[in-house]
């Protein structure tokens, strides 16, 4: 599962690739809980085991998507 996080005051996004077997509903619930309080931090662990911390006060948006298996690469006519 791909997670794209927009951060306020910057044009860049944080992209995290989670394990494909990540429970989407549990992740959404955890995100809701963290974003309810500006003093909390959202911790995500990517496919490689790296931990990423995002302060909830800096989150502009979060987009949950499918894994890169479904991504198309190249050009189509």
PDB file of N, CA and C in Angstrom:
ATOM      1  N   UNK A   1       0.848  -1.170   0.000  1.00  0.00           N
ATOM      2  CA  UNK A   1       0.000   0.000   0.000  1.00  0.00           C
ATOM      3  C   UNK A   1       0.894   1.234   0.000  1.00  0.00           C
ATOM      4  N   UNK A   2       0.521   2.183  -0.811  1.00  0.00           N
ATOM      5  CA  UNK A   2       1.242   3.446  -0.866  1.00  0.00           C
ATOM      6  C   UNK A   2       0.537   4.493  -0.024  1.00  0.00           C
ATOM      7  N   UNK A   3       1.319   5.290   0.689  1.00  0.00           N
ATOM      8  CA  UNK A   3       0.787   6.387   1.477  1.00  0.00           C
ATOM      9  C   UNK A   3       1.516   7.651   1.034  1.00  0.00           C
ATOM     10  N   UNK A   4       0.754   8.663   0.665  1.00  0.00           N
ATOM     11  CA  UNK A   4       1.323   9.944   0.255  1.00  0.00           C
ATOM     12  C   UNK A   4       0.830  10.983   1.245  1.00  0.00           C
ATOM     13  N   UNK A   5       1.772  11.716   1.842  1.00  0.00           N
ATOM     14  CA  UNK A   5       1.440  12.684   2.887  1.00  0.00           C
ATOM     15  C   UNK A   5       1.880  14.070   2.449  1.00  0.00           C
ATOM     16  N   UNK A   6       0.923  14.977   2.412  1.00  0.00           N
ATOM     17  CA  UNK A   6       1.228  16.367   2.118  1.00  0.00           C
ATOM     18  C   UNK A   6       1.582  17.081   3.410  1.00  0.00           C
ATOM     19  N   UNK A   7       2.603  17.900   3.350  1.00  0.00           N
ATOM     20  CA  UNK A   7       3.076  18.630   4.521  1.00  0.00           C
ATOM     21  C   UNK A   7       2.820  20.118   4.295  1.00  0.00           C
ATOM     22  N   UNK A   8       2.264  20.788   5.321  1.00  0.00           N
ATOM     23  CA  UNK A   8       1.950  22.208   5.159  1.00  0.00           C
ATOM     24  C   UNK A   8       3.231  23.023   4.977  1.00  0.00           C
ATOM     25  N   UNK A   9       3.094  24.110   4.244  1.00  0.00           N
ATOM     26  CA  UNK A   9       4.172  25.071   3.980  1.00  0.00           C
ATOM     27  C   UNK A   9       5.276  24.501   3.088  1.00  0.00           C
ATOM     28  N   UNK A  10       4.991  23.439   2.340  1.00  0.00           N
ATOM     29  CA  UNK A  10       5.965  22.918   1.390  1.00  0.00           C
ATOM     30  C   UNK A  10       5.222  22.252   0.239  1.00  0.00           C
ATOM     31  N   UNK A  11       5.819  22.263  -0.927  1.00  0.00           N
ATOM     32  CA  UNK A  11       5.216  21.636  -2.100  1.00  0.00           C
ATOM     33  C   UNK A  11       5.531  20.143  -2.167  1.00  0.00           C
ATOM     34  N   UNK A  12       6.496  19.704  -1.395  1.00  0.00           N
ATOM     35  CA  UNK A  12       6.917  18.308  -1.448  1.00  0.00           C
ATOM     36  C   UNK A  12       5.971  17.416  -0.660  1.00  0.00           C
ATOM     37  N   UNK A  13       5.953  16.148  -1.034  1.00  0.00           N
ATOM     38  CA  UNK A  13       5.149  15.152  -0.344  1.00  0.00           C
ATOM     39  C   UNK A  13       6.067  14.069   0.204  1.00  0.00           C
ATOM     40  N   UNK A  14       5.594  13.405   1.230  1.00  0.00           N
ATOM     41  CA  UNK A  14       6.290  12.238   1.768  1.00  0.00           C
ATOM     42  C   UNK A  14       5.575  11.023   1.215  1.00  0.00           C
ATOM     43  N   UNK A  15       6.324  10.137   0.557  1.00  0.00           N
ATOM     44  CA  UNK A  15       5.744   8.919   0.013  1.00  0.00           C
ATOM     45  C   UNK A  15       6.324   7.725   0.757  1.00  0.00           C
ATOM     46  N   UNK A  16       5.431   6.876   1.276  1.00  0.00           N
ATOM     47  CA  UNK A  16       5.840   5.708   2.045  1.00  0.00           C
ATOM     48  C   UNK A  16       5.173   4.488   1.426  1.00  0.00           C
ATOM     49  N   UNK A  17       5.958   3.465   1.148  1.00  0.00           N
ATOM     50  CA  UNK A  17       5.416   2.219   0.625  1.00  0.00           C
ATOM     51  C   UNK A  17       5.343   1.213   1.766  1.00  0.00           C
ATOM     52  N   UNK A  18       4.112   0.865   2.156  1.00  0.00           N
ATOM     53  CA  UNK A  18       3.891  -0.090   3.231  1.00  0.00           C
ATOM     54  C   UNK A  18       3.744  -1.492   2.648  1.00  0.00           C
ATOM     55  N   UNK A  19       3.795  -2.496   3.526  1.00  0.00           N
ATOM     56  CA  UNK A  19       3.570  -3.864   3.092  1.00  0.00           C
ATOM     57  C   UNK A  19       2.201  -3.975   2.438  1.00  0.00           C
ATOM     58  N   UNK A  20       2.099  -4.842   1.436  1.00  0.00           N
ATOM     59  CA  UNK A  20       0.834  -5.014   0.724  1.00  0.00           C
ATOM     60  C   UNK A  20      -0.264  -5.589   1.606  1.00  0.00           C
ATOM     61  N   UNK A  21       0.113  -6.275   2.684  1.00  0.00           N
ATOM     62  CA  UNK A  21      -0.892  -6.872   3.559  1.00  0.00           C
ATOM     63  C   UNK A  21      -1.302  -5.945   4.712  1.00  0.00           C
ATOM     64  N   UNK A  22      -0.962  -4.664   4.616  1.00  0.00           N
ATOM     65  CA  UNK A  22      -1.335  -3.686   5.641  1.00  0.00           C
ATOM     66  C   UNK A  22      -2.855  -3.571   5.703  1.00  0.00           C
ATOM     67  N   UNK A  23      -3.408  -3.618   6.895  1.00  0.00           N
ATOM     68  CA  UNK A  23      -4.848  -3.487   7.100  1.00  0.00           C
ATOM     69  C   UNK A  23      -5.247  -2.025   6.899  1.00  0.00           C
ATOM     70  N   UNK A  24      -5.922  -1.751   5.797  1.00  0.00           N
ATOM     71  CA  UNK A  24      -6.287  -0.387   5.421  1.00  0.00           C
ATOM     72  C   UNK A  24      -7.183   0.278   6.472  1.00  0.00           C
ATOM     73  N   UNK A  25      -8.170  -0.455   6.973  1.00  0.00           N
ATOM     74  CA  UNK A  25      -9.091   0.126   7.960  1.00  0.00           C
ATOM     75  C   UNK A  25      -8.379   0.448   9.268  1.00  0.00           C
ATOM     76  N   UNK A  26      -7.492  -0.435   9.705  1.00  0.00           N
ATOM     77  CA  UNK A  26      -6.735  -0.180  10.941  1.00  0.00           C
ATOM     78  C   UNK A  26      -5.816   1.024  10.760  1.00  0.00           C
ATOM     79  N   UNK A  27      -5.201   1.151   9.592  1.00  0.00           N
ATOM     80  CA  UNK A  27      -4.329   2.296   9.309  1.00  0.00           C
ATOM     81  C   UNK A  27      -5.134   3.592   9.319  1.00  0.00           C
ATOM     82  N   UNK A  28      -6.300   3.592   8.677  1.00  0.00           N
ATOM     83  CA  UNK A  28      -7.140   4.791   8.669  1.00  0.00           C
ATOM     84  C   UNK A  28      -7.560   5.181  10.076  1.00  0.00           C
ATOM     85  N   UNK A  29      -7.885   4.214  10.905  1.00  0.00           N
ATOM     86  CA  UNK A  29      -8.274   4.502  12.287  1.00  0.00           C
ATOM     87  C   UNK A  29      -7.098   5.114  13.052  1.00  0.00           C
ATOM     88  N   UNK A  30      -5.891   4.559  12.863  1.00  0.00           N
ATOM     89  CA  UNK A  30      -4.703   5.101  13.540  1.00  0.00           C
ATOM     90  C   UNK A  30      -4.418   6.527  13.077  1.00  0.00           C
ATOM     91  N   UNK A  31      -4.566   6.770  11.774  1.00  0.00           N
ATOM     92  CA  UNK A  31      -4.352   8.114  11.239  1.00  0.00           C
ATOM     93  C   UNK A  31      -5.358   9.088  11.852  1.00  0.00           C
ATOM     94  N   UNK A  32      -6.623   8.688  11.921  1.00  0.00           N
ATOM     95  CA  UNK A  32      -7.660   9.549  12.525  1.00  0.00           C
ATOM     96  C   UNK A  32      -7.326   9.894  13.976  1.00  0.00           C
ATOM     97  N   UNK A  33      -6.879   8.902  14.728  1.00  0.00           N
ATOM     98  CA  UNK A  33      -6.547   9.120  16.145  1.00  0.00           C
ATOM     99  C   UNK A  33      -5.385  10.104  16.294  1.00  0.00           C
ATOM    100  N   UNK A  34      -4.358   9.943  15.472  1.00  0.00           N
ATOM    101  CA  UNK A  34      -3.179  10.814  15.570  1.00  0.00           C
ATOM    102  C   UNK A  34      -3.511  12.233  15.116  1.00  0.00           C
ATOM    103  N   UNK A  35      -4.274  12.364  14.036  1.00  0.00           N
ATOM    104  CA  UNK A  35      -4.565  13.691  13.510  1.00  0.00           C
ATOM    105  C   UNK A  35      -5.558  14.471  14.379  1.00  0.00           C
ATOM    106  N   UNK A  36      -6.213  13.807  15.311  1.00  0.00           N
ATOM    107  CA  UNK A  36      -7.160  14.481  16.201  1.00  0.00           C
ATOM    108  C   UNK A  36      -6.456  15.375  17.218  1.00  0.00           C
ATOM    109  N   UNK A  37      -5.149  15.213  17.374  1.00  0.00           N
ATOM    110  CA  UNK A  37      -4.390  15.967  18.371  1.00  0.00           C
ATOM    111  C   UNK A  37      -3.105  16.482  17.725  1.00  0.00           C
ATOM    112  N   UNK A  38      -2.921  17.796  17.689  1.00  0.00           N
ATOM    113  CA  UNK A  38      -1.737  18.399  17.053  1.00  0.00           C
ATOM    114  C   UNK A  38      -0.425  18.067  17.752  1.00  0.00           C
ATOM    115  N   UNK A  39      -0.485  17.541  18.959  1.00  0.00           N
ATOM    116  CA  UNK A  39       0.738  17.233  19.701  1.00  0.00           C
ATOM    117  C   UNK A  39       1.220  15.799  19.477  1.00  0.00           C
ATOM    118  N   UNK A  40       0.528  15.034  18.640  1.00  0.00           N
ATOM    119  CA  UNK A  40       0.904  13.637  18.407  1.00  0.00           C
ATOM    120  C   UNK A  40       1.767  13.500  17.171  1.00  0.00           C
ATOM    121  N   UNK A  41       2.364  12.329  17.027  1.00  0.00           N
ATOM    122  CA  UNK A  41       3.226  12.014  15.891  1.00  0.00           C
ATOM    123  C   UNK A  41       2.725  10.743  15.229  1.00  0.00           C
ATOM    124  N   UNK A  42       2.621  10.779  13.904  1.00  0.00           N
ATOM    125  CA  UNK A  42       2.236   9.606  13.142  1.00  0.00           C
ATOM    126  C   UNK A  42       3.502   8.842  12.763  1.00  0.00           C
ATOM    127  N   UNK A  43       3.596   7.608  13.225  1.00  0.00           N
ATOM    128  CA  UNK A  43       4.733   6.747  12.913  1.00  0.00           C
ATOM    129  C   UNK A  43       4.290   5.694  11.910  1.00  0.00           C
ATOM    130  N   UNK A  44       5.035   5.580  10.820  1.00  0.00           N
ATOM    131  CA  UNK A  44       4.787   4.554   9.814  1.00  0.00           C
ATOM    132  C   UNK A  44       6.074   3.778   9.588  1.00  0.00           C
ATOM    133  N   UNK A  45       5.950   2.484   9.341  1.00  0.00           N
ATOM    134  CA  UNK A  45       7.104   1.642   9.025  1.00  0.00           C
ATOM    135  C   UNK A  45       6.952   1.170   7.586  1.00  0.00           C
ATOM    136  N   UNK A  46       7.949   1.506   6.748  1.00  0.00           N
ATOM    137  CA  UNK A  46       7.849   1.151   5.338  1.00  0.00           C
ATOM    138  C   UNK A  46       8.228  -0.311   5.090  1.00  0.00           C
ATOM    139  N   UNK A  47       8.168  -0.711   3.829  1.00  0.00           N
ATOM    140  CA  UNK A  47       8.459  -2.089   3.435  1.00  0.00           C
ATOM    141  C   UNK A  47       9.858  -2.533   3.838  1.00  0.00           C
ATOM    142  N   UNK A  48      10.796  -1.608   3.886  1.00  0.00           N
ATOM    143  CA  UNK A  48      12.190  -1.916   4.208  1.00  0.00           C
ATOM    144  C   UNK A  48      12.454  -1.939   5.706  1.00  0.00           C
ATOM    145  N   UNK A  49      11.456  -1.578   6.506  1.00  0.00           N
ATOM    146  CA  UNK A  49      11.634  -1.550   7.949  1.00  0.00           C
ATOM    147  C   UNK A  49      12.032  -0.192   8.504  1.00  0.00           C
ATOM    148  N   UNK A  50      12.169   0.813   7.630  1.00  0.00           N
ATOM    149  CA  UNK A  50      12.492   2.158   8.111  1.00  0.00           C
ATOM    150  C   UNK A  50      11.275   2.773   8.763  1.00  0.00           C
ATOM    151  N   UNK A  51      11.491   3.509   9.834  1.00  0.00           N
ATOM    152  CA  UNK A  51      10.396   4.177  10.535  1.00  0.00           C
ATOM    153  C   UNK A  51      10.398   5.660  10.178  1.00  0.00           C
ATOM    154  N   UNK A  52       9.219   6.153   9.852  1.00  0.00           N
ATOM    155  CA  UNK A  52       9.058   7.541   9.444  1.00  0.00           C
ATOM    156  C   UNK A  52       8.112   8.210  10.435  1.00  0.00           C
ATOM    157  N   UNK A  53       8.514   9.373  10.950  1.00  0.00           N
ATOM    158  CA  UNK A  53       7.704  10.121  11.906  1.00  0.00           C
ATOM    159  C   UNK A  53       7.234  11.420  11.265  1.00  0.00           C
ATOM    160  N   UNK A  54       5.932  11.667  11.371  1.00  0.00           N
ATOM    161  CA  UNK A  54       5.361  12.886  10.828  1.00  0.00           C
ATOM    162  C   UNK A  54       4.559  13.562  11.931  1.00  0.00           C
ATOM    163  N   UNK A  55       4.940  14.781  12.343  1.00  0.00           N
ATOM    164  CA  UNK A  55       4.174  15.492  13.365  1.00  0.00           C
ATOM    165  C   UNK A  55       2.775  15.813  12.845  1.00  0.00           C
ATOM    166  N   UNK A  56       1.757  15.471  13.588  1.00  0.00           N
ATOM    167  CA  UNK A  56       0.377  15.645  13.118  1.00  0.00           C
ATOM    168  C   UNK A  56       0.040  17.108  12.816  1.00  0.00           C
ATOM    169  N   UNK A  57       0.666  18.031  13.499  1.00  0.00           N
ATOM    170  CA  UNK A  57       0.397  19.455  13.271  1.00  0.00           C
ATOM    171  C   UNK A  57       0.868  19.918  11.895  1.00  0.00           C
ATOM    172  N   UNK A  58       1.720  19.147  11.237  1.00  0.00           N
ATOM    173  CA  UNK A  58       2.276  19.526   9.933  1.00  0.00           C
ATOM    174  C   UNK A  58       1.628  18.815   8.752  1.00  0.00           C
ATOM    175  N   UNK A  59       0.663  17.938   9.028  1.00  0.00           N
ATOM    176  CA  UNK A  59       0.034  17.162   7.958  1.00  0.00           C
ATOM    177  C   UNK A  59      -1.052  18.000   7.282  1.00  0.00           C
ATOM    178  N   UNK A  60      -0.943  18.128   5.957  1.00  0.00           N
ATOM    179  CA  UNK A  60      -1.962  18.825   5.177  1.00  0.00           C
ATOM    180  C   UNK A  60      -3.005  17.830   4.675  1.00  0.00           C
ATOM    181  N   UNK A  61      -2.555  16.672   4.211  1.00  0.00           N
ATOM    182  CA  UNK A  61      -3.466  15.625   3.745  1.00  0.00           C
ATOM    183  C   UNK A  61      -2.727  14.296   3.715  1.00  0.00           C
ATOM    184  N   UNK A  62      -3.498  13.213   3.675  1.00  0.00           N
ATOM    185  CA  UNK A  62      -2.942  11.872   3.536  1.00  0.00           C
ATOM    186  C   UNK A  62      -3.753  11.141   2.482  1.00  0.00           C
ATOM    187  N   UNK A  63      -3.046  10.549   1.540  1.00  0.00           N
ATOM    188  CA  UNK A  63      -3.678   9.795   0.462  1.00  0.00           C
ATOM    189  C   UNK A  63      -3.244   8.339   0.564  1.00  0.00           C
ATOM    190  N   UNK A  64      -4.201   7.435   0.622  1.00  0.00           N
ATOM    191  CA  UNK A  64      -3.908   6.007   0.651  1.00  0.00           C
ATOM    192  C   UNK A  64      -4.173   5.444  -0.737  1.00  0.00           C
ATOM    193  N   UNK A  65      -3.207   4.680  -1.253  1.00  0.00           N
ATOM    194  CA  UNK A  65      -3.360   4.120  -2.583  1.00  0.00           C
ATOM    195  C   UNK A  65      -2.949   2.669  -2.635  1.00  0.00           C
ATOM    196  N   UNK A  66      -3.097   2.107  -3.812  1.00  0.00           N
ATOM    197  CA  UNK A  66      -2.696   0.727  -4.030  1.00  0.00           C
ATOM    198  C   UNK A  66      -1.180   0.635  -4.125  1.00  0.00           C
ATOM    199  N   UNK A  67      -0.682  -0.584  -4.061  1.00  0.00           N
ATOM    200  CA  UNK A  67       0.760  -0.786  -4.188  1.00  0.00           C
ATOM    201  C   UNK A  67       1.211  -0.450  -5.606  1.00  0.00           C
ATOM    202  N   UNK A  68       2.514  -0.337  -5.807  1.00  0.00           N
ATOM    203  CA  UNK A  68       3.053   0.027  -7.113  1.00  0.00           C
ATOM    204  C   UNK A  68       2.865  -1.061  -8.159  1.00  0.00           C
ATOM    205  N   UNK A  69       2.334  -2.205  -7.776  1.00  0.00           N
ATOM    206  CA  UNK A  69       2.079  -3.286  -8.724  1.00  0.00           C
ATOM    207  C   UNK A  69       1.123  -2.824  -9.805  1.00  0.00           C
ATOM    208  N   UNK A  70       0.177  -1.960  -9.456  1.00  0.00           N
ATOM    209  CA  UNK A  70      -0.823  -1.503 -10.389  1.00  0.00           C
ATOM    210  C   UNK A  70      -0.418  -0.235 -11.150  1.00  0.00           C
ATOM    211  N   UNK A  71       0.739   0.286 -10.886  1.00  0.00           N
ATOM    212  CA  UNK A  71       1.171   1.508 -11.554  1.00  0.00           C
ATOM    213  C   UNK A  71       1.597   1.204 -12.980  1.00  0.00           C
ATOM    214  N   UNK A  72       1.278   2.125 -13.862  1.00  0.00           N
ATOM    215  CA  UNK A  72       1.693   1.997 -15.250  1.00  0.00           C
ATOM    216  C   UNK A  72       2.921   2.851 -15.473  1.00  0.00           C
ATOM    217  N   UNK A  73       3.845   2.314 -16.218  1.00  0.00           N
ATOM    218  CA  UNK A  73       5.076   3.037 -16.523  1.00  0.00           C
ATOM    219  C   UNK A  73       5.178   3.179 -18.034  1.00  0.00           C
ATOM    220  N   UNK A  74       5.507   4.366 -18.476  1.00  0.00           N
ATOM    221  CA  UNK A  74       5.670   4.596 -19.903  1.00  0.00           C
ATOM    222  C   UNK A  74       4.559   5.494 -20.439  1.00  0.00           C
ATOM    223  N   UNK A  75       4.494   5.533 -21.742  1.00  0.00           N
ATOM    224  CA  UNK A  75       3.546   6.405 -22.401  1.00  0.00           C
ATOM    225  C   UNK A  75       2.526   5.565 -23.153  1.00  0.00           C
ATOM    226  N   UNK A  76       1.329   6.069 -23.274  1.00  0.00           N
ATOM    227  CA  UNK A  76       0.316   5.378 -24.072  1.00  0.00           C
ATOM    228  C   UNK A  76      -0.252   6.345 -25.084  1.00  0.00           C
ATOM    229  N   UNK A  77      -0.758   5.791 -26.140  1.00  0.00           N
ATOM    230  CA  UNK A  77      -1.292   6.637 -27.202  1.00  0.00           C
ATOM    231  C   UNK A  77      -2.792   6.727 -27.121  1.00  0.00           C
TER     232      UNK A  77
END
